[in-house]
Amino acid sequence: MASRITLSPTMKNFIRCAGLSGSLAIGLGVYGAHAMKDDTPEELRRLFQLAQTYHLLHSVALLAVPLVSRPIITGSLFLGGLSFFCGPMYYRAITNDPQFRQITPYGGALLIAGWLSIAFL
């Protein structure tokens, strides 16, 4: 008989966020592969693909949040990074409107901080 791991409600929420985020990343990948217009510039297609790659990678990383020493910090950094890094890239790739691109570096910094929190906290 397999043993079950007991997680706090907060940790269960991070697991739920990972599942929701991963399913969103897959759905957006399907959109990018099938619904983006053929006349979409290659630069915007690459931007969309980059957002989708980082989105899926960090959705999987969220699954490990309950295993780290400071899970709330790490999970919050990853979720913030996903929102502020991938979100503006998706938006620009879909609309060709660069108005939110100034936010992207902050999102990237949050993702980096999330990985560093695993290493040093």
N, C-alpha and C. Protein backbone atom coordinates (compact mmCIF):
# COMPACT_ATOMS: atom_id res chain seq x y z
N MET A 1 0.84 -1.17 0.00
CA MET A 1 0.00 0.00 0.00
C MET A 1 0.89 1.24 0.00
N ALA A 2 0.57 2.18 -0.87
CA ALA A 2 1.36 3.41 -0.98
C ALA A 2 1.02 4.35 0.17
N SER A 3 2.06 5.00 0.68
CA SER A 3 1.82 5.98 1.74
C SER A 3 1.48 7.33 1.11
N ARG A 4 0.70 8.11 1.81
CA ARG A 4 0.30 9.43 1.33
C ARG A 4 1.11 10.50 2.06
N ILE A 5 1.48 11.51 1.33
CA ILE A 5 2.18 12.64 1.91
C ILE A 5 1.14 13.64 2.38
N THR A 6 1.30 14.09 3.61
CA THR A 6 0.38 15.08 4.16
C THR A 6 0.95 16.47 3.93
N LEU A 7 0.17 17.31 3.26
CA LEU A 7 0.61 18.67 2.97
C LEU A 7 -0.34 19.66 3.64
N SER A 8 0.22 20.79 4.03
CA SER A 8 -0.61 21.86 4.59
C SER A 8 -1.50 22.43 3.49
N PRO A 9 -2.55 23.11 3.87
CA PRO A 9 -3.42 23.74 2.85
C PRO A 9 -2.66 24.69 1.92
N THR A 10 -1.70 25.42 2.44
CA THR A 10 -0.91 26.32 1.61
C THR A 10 -0.12 25.56 0.57
N MET A 11 0.49 24.44 0.98
CA MET A 11 1.27 23.65 0.05
C MET A 11 0.37 23.00 -1.00
N LYS A 12 -0.83 22.59 -0.58
CA LYS A 12 -1.79 22.04 -1.55
C LYS A 12 -2.17 23.10 -2.58
N ASN A 13 -2.25 24.34 -2.14
CA ASN A 13 -2.58 25.42 -3.06
C ASN A 13 -1.47 25.64 -4.09
N PHE A 14 -0.22 25.50 -3.67
CA PHE A 14 0.88 25.60 -4.63
C PHE A 14 0.81 24.46 -5.65
N ILE A 15 0.46 23.27 -5.21
CA ILE A 15 0.30 22.15 -6.12
C ILE A 15 -0.85 22.42 -7.10
N ARG A 16 -1.94 22.96 -6.59
CA ARG A 16 -3.07 23.32 -7.46
C ARG A 16 -2.65 24.39 -8.48
N CYS A 17 -1.91 25.37 -8.01
CA CYS A 17 -1.41 26.42 -8.92
C CYS A 17 -0.53 25.81 -10.00
N ALA A 18 0.29 24.84 -9.62
CA ALA A 18 1.14 24.17 -10.60
C ALA A 18 0.29 23.47 -11.66
N GLY A 19 -0.76 22.79 -11.22
CA GLY A 19 -1.64 22.11 -12.16
C GLY A 19 -2.38 23.07 -13.07
N LEU A 20 -2.90 24.14 -12.50
CA LEU A 20 -3.60 25.14 -13.31
C LEU A 20 -2.65 25.85 -14.28
N SER A 21 -1.48 26.19 -13.78
CA SER A 21 -0.51 26.88 -14.61
C SER A 21 -0.02 25.97 -15.74
N GLY A 22 0.23 24.71 -15.41
CA GLY A 22 0.67 23.77 -16.44
C GLY A 22 -0.38 23.56 -17.51
N SER A 23 -1.63 23.44 -17.10
CA SER A 23 -2.69 23.26 -18.09
C SER A 23 -2.85 24.51 -18.95
N LEU A 24 -2.69 25.69 -18.35
CA LEU A 24 -2.74 26.94 -19.11
C LEU A 24 -1.58 27.00 -20.11
N ALA A 25 -0.39 26.58 -19.67
CA ALA A 25 0.77 26.59 -20.56
C ALA A 25 0.54 25.67 -21.76
N ILE A 26 -0.03 24.50 -21.52
CA ILE A 26 -0.31 23.58 -22.63
C ILE A 26 -1.38 24.18 -23.55
N GLY A 27 -2.43 24.74 -22.95
CA GLY A 27 -3.48 25.36 -23.77
C GLY A 27 -2.95 26.50 -24.62
N LEU A 28 -2.10 27.33 -24.04
CA LEU A 28 -1.53 28.42 -24.81
C LEU A 28 -0.59 27.90 -25.89
N GLY A 29 0.12 26.81 -25.60
CA GLY A 29 0.96 26.19 -26.62
C GLY A 29 0.14 25.70 -27.80
N VAL A 30 -1.01 25.12 -27.52
CA VAL A 30 -1.92 24.68 -28.58
C VAL A 30 -2.41 25.90 -29.38
N TYR A 31 -2.75 26.95 -28.67
CA TYR A 31 -3.17 28.19 -29.36
C TYR A 31 -2.06 28.68 -30.28
N GLY A 32 -0.84 28.72 -29.75
CA GLY A 32 0.28 29.21 -30.55
C GLY A 32 0.55 28.36 -31.78
N ALA A 33 0.35 27.06 -31.65
CA ALA A 33 0.62 26.16 -32.76
C ALA A 33 -0.49 26.17 -33.81
N HIS A 34 -1.73 26.42 -33.39
CA HIS A 34 -2.85 26.24 -34.31
C HIS A 34 -3.65 27.50 -34.61
N ALA A 35 -3.66 28.46 -33.72
CA ALA A 35 -4.56 29.60 -33.91
C ALA A 35 -3.85 30.90 -34.26
N MET A 36 -2.54 30.97 -34.04
CA MET A 36 -1.85 32.20 -34.43
C MET A 36 -1.91 32.34 -35.95
N LYS A 37 -2.13 33.52 -36.39
CA LYS A 37 -2.27 33.77 -37.83
C LYS A 37 -0.96 33.49 -38.55
N ASP A 38 -1.08 33.03 -39.77
CA ASP A 38 0.10 32.72 -40.58
C ASP A 38 0.94 33.94 -40.85
N ASP A 39 0.33 35.12 -40.86
CA ASP A 39 1.08 36.34 -41.14
C ASP A 39 1.70 36.96 -39.89
N THR A 40 1.62 36.24 -38.75
CA THR A 40 2.26 36.74 -37.53
C THR A 40 3.77 36.78 -37.74
N PRO A 41 4.41 37.90 -37.46
CA PRO A 41 5.87 38.00 -37.67
C PRO A 41 6.63 36.94 -36.86
N GLU A 42 7.73 36.49 -37.43
CA GLU A 42 8.54 35.45 -36.80
C GLU A 42 9.01 35.88 -35.40
N GLU A 43 9.33 37.15 -35.23
CA GLU A 43 9.76 37.65 -33.91
C GLU A 43 8.69 37.40 -32.85
N LEU A 44 7.44 37.65 -33.19
CA LEU A 44 6.34 37.44 -32.24
C LEU A 44 6.09 35.96 -32.01
N ARG A 45 6.28 35.14 -33.01
CA ARG A 45 6.15 33.68 -32.83
C ARG A 45 7.22 33.17 -31.86
N ARG A 46 8.44 33.65 -32.04
CA ARG A 46 9.53 33.24 -31.14
C ARG A 46 9.27 33.73 -29.72
N LEU A 47 8.75 34.93 -29.58
CA LEU A 47 8.43 35.48 -28.27
C LEU A 47 7.37 34.62 -27.58
N PHE A 48 6.36 34.24 -28.33
CA PHE A 48 5.30 33.39 -27.79
C PHE A 48 5.87 32.04 -27.34
N GLN A 49 6.73 31.46 -28.17
CA GLN A 49 7.34 30.17 -27.84
C GLN A 49 8.21 30.28 -26.59
N LEU A 50 8.95 31.37 -26.47
CA LEU A 50 9.78 31.58 -25.28
C LEU A 50 8.92 31.69 -24.02
N ALA A 51 7.83 32.45 -24.11
CA ALA A 51 6.92 32.58 -22.97
C ALA A 51 6.35 31.22 -22.59
N GLN A 52 5.95 30.45 -23.59
CA GLN A 52 5.35 29.15 -23.33
C GLN A 52 6.36 28.19 -22.71
N THR A 53 7.60 28.23 -23.16
CA THR A 53 8.65 27.37 -22.60
C THR A 53 8.91 27.70 -21.13
N TYR A 54 9.10 28.97 -20.84
CA TYR A 54 9.34 29.37 -19.45
C TYR A 54 8.11 29.08 -18.57
N HIS A 55 6.94 29.28 -19.14
CA HIS A 55 5.70 29.04 -18.40
C HIS A 55 5.60 27.57 -18.00
N LEU A 56 5.82 26.68 -18.96
CA LEU A 56 5.71 25.26 -18.67
C LEU A 56 6.81 24.80 -17.71
N LEU A 57 8.03 25.27 -17.91
CA LEU A 57 9.14 24.89 -17.04
C LEU A 57 8.88 25.30 -15.59
N HIS A 58 8.40 26.51 -15.40
CA HIS A 58 8.17 26.98 -14.03
C HIS A 58 6.88 26.44 -13.42
N SER A 59 5.97 26.00 -14.26
CA SER A 59 4.79 25.28 -13.73
C SER A 59 5.23 23.97 -13.11
N VAL A 60 6.14 23.28 -13.76
CA VAL A 60 6.69 22.03 -13.20
C VAL A 60 7.50 22.34 -11.95
N ALA A 61 8.27 23.42 -11.97
CA ALA A 61 9.05 23.79 -10.78
C ALA A 61 8.16 24.04 -9.58
N LEU A 62 6.96 24.56 -9.80
CA LEU A 62 6.03 24.80 -8.69
C LEU A 62 5.69 23.51 -7.94
N LEU A 63 5.76 22.38 -8.63
CA LEU A 63 5.47 21.10 -7.96
C LEU A 63 6.46 20.80 -6.84
N ALA A 64 7.67 21.34 -6.96
CA ALA A 64 8.70 21.08 -5.96
C ALA A 64 8.65 22.05 -4.79
N VAL A 65 7.81 23.04 -4.85
CA VAL A 65 7.76 24.07 -3.80
C VAL A 65 7.59 23.47 -2.40
N PRO A 66 6.72 22.48 -2.20
CA PRO A 66 6.59 21.93 -0.84
C PRO A 66 7.86 21.27 -0.29
N LEU A 67 8.83 21.00 -1.15
CA LEU A 67 10.06 20.33 -0.72
C LEU A 67 11.16 21.27 -0.27
N VAL A 68 11.01 22.56 -0.53
CA VAL A 68 12.09 23.50 -0.20
C VAL A 68 11.96 24.01 1.23
N SER A 69 13.02 24.64 1.72
CA SER A 69 13.01 25.06 3.13
C SER A 69 12.10 26.27 3.37
N ARG A 70 11.94 27.14 2.40
CA ARG A 70 11.06 28.32 2.53
C ARG A 70 10.04 28.30 1.39
N PRO A 71 9.07 27.40 1.46
CA PRO A 71 8.18 27.21 0.31
C PRO A 71 7.31 28.41 -0.03
N ILE A 72 6.88 29.17 0.94
CA ILE A 72 6.01 30.31 0.63
C ILE A 72 6.80 31.38 -0.14
N ILE A 73 8.03 31.61 0.26
CA ILE A 73 8.87 32.58 -0.45
C ILE A 73 9.13 32.10 -1.87
N THR A 74 9.60 30.86 -1.99
CA THR A 74 9.94 30.32 -3.32
C THR A 74 8.72 30.27 -4.22
N GLY A 75 7.61 29.76 -3.72
CA GLY A 75 6.40 29.68 -4.53
C GLY A 75 5.88 31.03 -4.95
N SER A 76 5.94 31.99 -4.04
CA SER A 76 5.48 33.35 -4.37
C SER A 76 6.38 33.99 -5.43
N LEU A 77 7.67 33.76 -5.33
CA LEU A 77 8.59 34.30 -6.33
C LEU A 77 8.32 33.67 -7.70
N PHE A 78 8.12 32.36 -7.73
CA PHE A 78 7.82 31.70 -9.00
C PHE A 78 6.50 32.18 -9.59
N LEU A 79 5.46 32.29 -8.77
CA LEU A 79 4.16 32.73 -9.28
C LEU A 79 4.22 34.18 -9.77
N GLY A 80 4.90 35.03 -9.01
CA GLY A 80 5.06 36.41 -9.47
C GLY A 80 5.87 36.49 -10.75
N GLY A 81 6.92 35.69 -10.81
CA GLY A 81 7.75 35.68 -12.01
C GLY A 81 6.99 35.19 -13.22
N LEU A 82 6.20 34.14 -13.04
CA LEU A 82 5.37 33.65 -14.15
C LEU A 82 4.43 34.74 -14.66
N SER A 83 3.81 35.44 -13.74
CA SER A 83 2.85 36.49 -14.12
C SER A 83 3.54 37.64 -14.84
N PHE A 84 4.64 38.11 -14.29
CA PHE A 84 5.28 39.32 -14.81
C PHE A 84 6.32 39.07 -15.90
N PHE A 85 6.73 37.82 -16.07
CA PHE A 85 7.66 37.50 -17.16
C PHE A 85 6.91 36.95 -18.36
N CYS A 86 6.14 35.90 -18.14
CA CYS A 86 5.44 35.26 -19.26
C CYS A 86 4.23 36.07 -19.72
N GLY A 87 3.50 36.64 -18.78
CA GLY A 87 2.29 37.38 -19.14
C GLY A 87 2.52 38.47 -20.17
N PRO A 88 3.46 39.40 -19.93
CA PRO A 88 3.69 40.45 -20.92
C PRO A 88 4.20 39.90 -22.27
N MET A 89 4.97 38.81 -22.23
CA MET A 89 5.44 38.25 -23.50
C MET A 89 4.28 37.64 -24.29
N TYR A 90 3.40 36.91 -23.61
CA TYR A 90 2.21 36.39 -24.29
C TYR A 90 1.40 37.55 -24.88
N TYR A 91 1.17 38.56 -24.07
CA TYR A 91 0.36 39.71 -24.50
C TYR A 91 0.95 40.34 -25.77
N ARG A 92 2.24 40.58 -25.75
CA ARG A 92 2.86 41.22 -26.91
C ARG A 92 2.81 40.31 -28.12
N ALA A 93 3.07 39.00 -27.92
CA ALA A 93 3.07 38.08 -29.05
C ALA A 93 1.69 37.99 -29.70
N ILE A 94 0.64 38.09 -28.89
CA ILE A 94 -0.72 37.97 -29.42
C ILE A 94 -1.23 39.28 -30.01
N THR A 95 -0.89 40.40 -29.37
CA THR A 95 -1.47 41.70 -29.79
C THR A 95 -0.49 42.58 -30.56
N ASN A 96 0.80 42.26 -30.51
CA ASN A 96 1.86 43.11 -31.07
C ASN A 96 1.86 44.49 -30.43
N ASP A 97 1.44 44.56 -29.18
CA ASP A 97 1.42 45.80 -28.41
C ASP A 97 2.50 45.71 -27.34
N PRO A 98 3.54 46.54 -27.42
CA PRO A 98 4.66 46.42 -26.48
C PRO A 98 4.49 47.16 -25.16
N GLN A 99 3.28 47.61 -24.84
CA GLN A 99 3.10 48.51 -23.69
C GLN A 99 3.53 47.91 -22.35
N PHE A 100 3.53 46.58 -22.19
CA PHE A 100 3.89 45.98 -20.91
C PHE A 100 5.31 45.39 -20.89
N ARG A 101 6.09 45.64 -21.92
CA ARG A 101 7.41 45.00 -21.98
C ARG A 101 8.36 45.47 -20.88
N GLN A 102 8.09 46.63 -20.30
CA GLN A 102 8.96 47.12 -19.22
C GLN A 102 8.84 46.25 -17.97
N ILE A 103 7.76 45.50 -17.85
CA ILE A 103 7.53 44.65 -16.68
C ILE A 103 8.33 43.35 -16.77
N THR A 104 8.61 42.90 -17.98
CA THR A 104 9.22 41.60 -18.20
C THR A 104 10.53 41.40 -17.43
N PRO A 105 11.45 42.36 -17.40
CA PRO A 105 12.69 42.13 -16.65
C PRO A 105 12.46 41.90 -15.14
N TYR A 106 11.44 42.53 -14.60
CA TYR A 106 11.13 42.32 -13.19
C TYR A 106 10.62 40.90 -12.96
N GLY A 107 9.82 40.42 -13.90
CA GLY A 107 9.37 39.04 -13.81
C GLY A 107 10.53 38.06 -13.91
N GLY A 108 11.46 38.34 -14.81
CA GLY A 108 12.65 37.50 -14.92
C GLY A 108 13.47 37.51 -13.64
N ALA A 109 13.58 38.68 -13.03
CA ALA A 109 14.31 38.78 -11.76
C ALA A 109 13.62 37.96 -10.66
N LEU A 110 12.28 37.96 -10.67
CA LEU A 110 11.55 37.15 -9.68
C LEU A 110 11.79 35.66 -9.90
N LEU A 111 11.83 35.23 -11.15
CA LEU A 111 12.11 33.82 -11.43
C LEU A 111 13.52 33.44 -10.97
N ILE A 112 14.47 34.30 -11.26
CA ILE A 112 15.85 34.04 -10.80
C ILE A 112 15.91 34.01 -9.29
N ALA A 113 15.22 34.94 -8.65
CA ALA A 113 15.19 34.96 -7.18
C ALA A 113 14.55 33.69 -6.63
N GLY A 114 13.54 33.19 -7.30
CA GLY A 114 12.92 31.93 -6.88
C GLY A 114 13.92 30.78 -6.88
N TRP A 115 14.69 30.67 -7.95
CA TRP A 115 15.71 29.61 -8.00
C TRP A 115 16.79 29.83 -6.95
N LEU A 116 17.19 31.08 -6.74
CA LEU A 116 18.19 31.37 -5.71
C LEU A 116 17.65 31.08 -4.31
N SER A 117 16.36 31.26 -4.11
CA SER A 117 15.78 30.95 -2.80
C SER A 117 15.86 29.46 -2.51
N ILE A 118 15.79 28.64 -3.52
CA ILE A 118 15.97 27.20 -3.33
C ILE A 118 17.39 26.91 -2.88
N ALA A 119 18.34 27.61 -3.49
CA ALA A 119 19.74 27.34 -3.21
C ALA A 119 20.22 27.88 -1.87
N PHE A 120 19.71 29.04 -1.46
CA PHE A 120 20.32 29.72 -0.32
C PHE A 120 19.43 29.94 0.89
N LEU A 121 18.14 29.68 0.81
CA LEU A 121 17.30 29.89 1.99
C LEU A 121 17.04 28.58 2.70
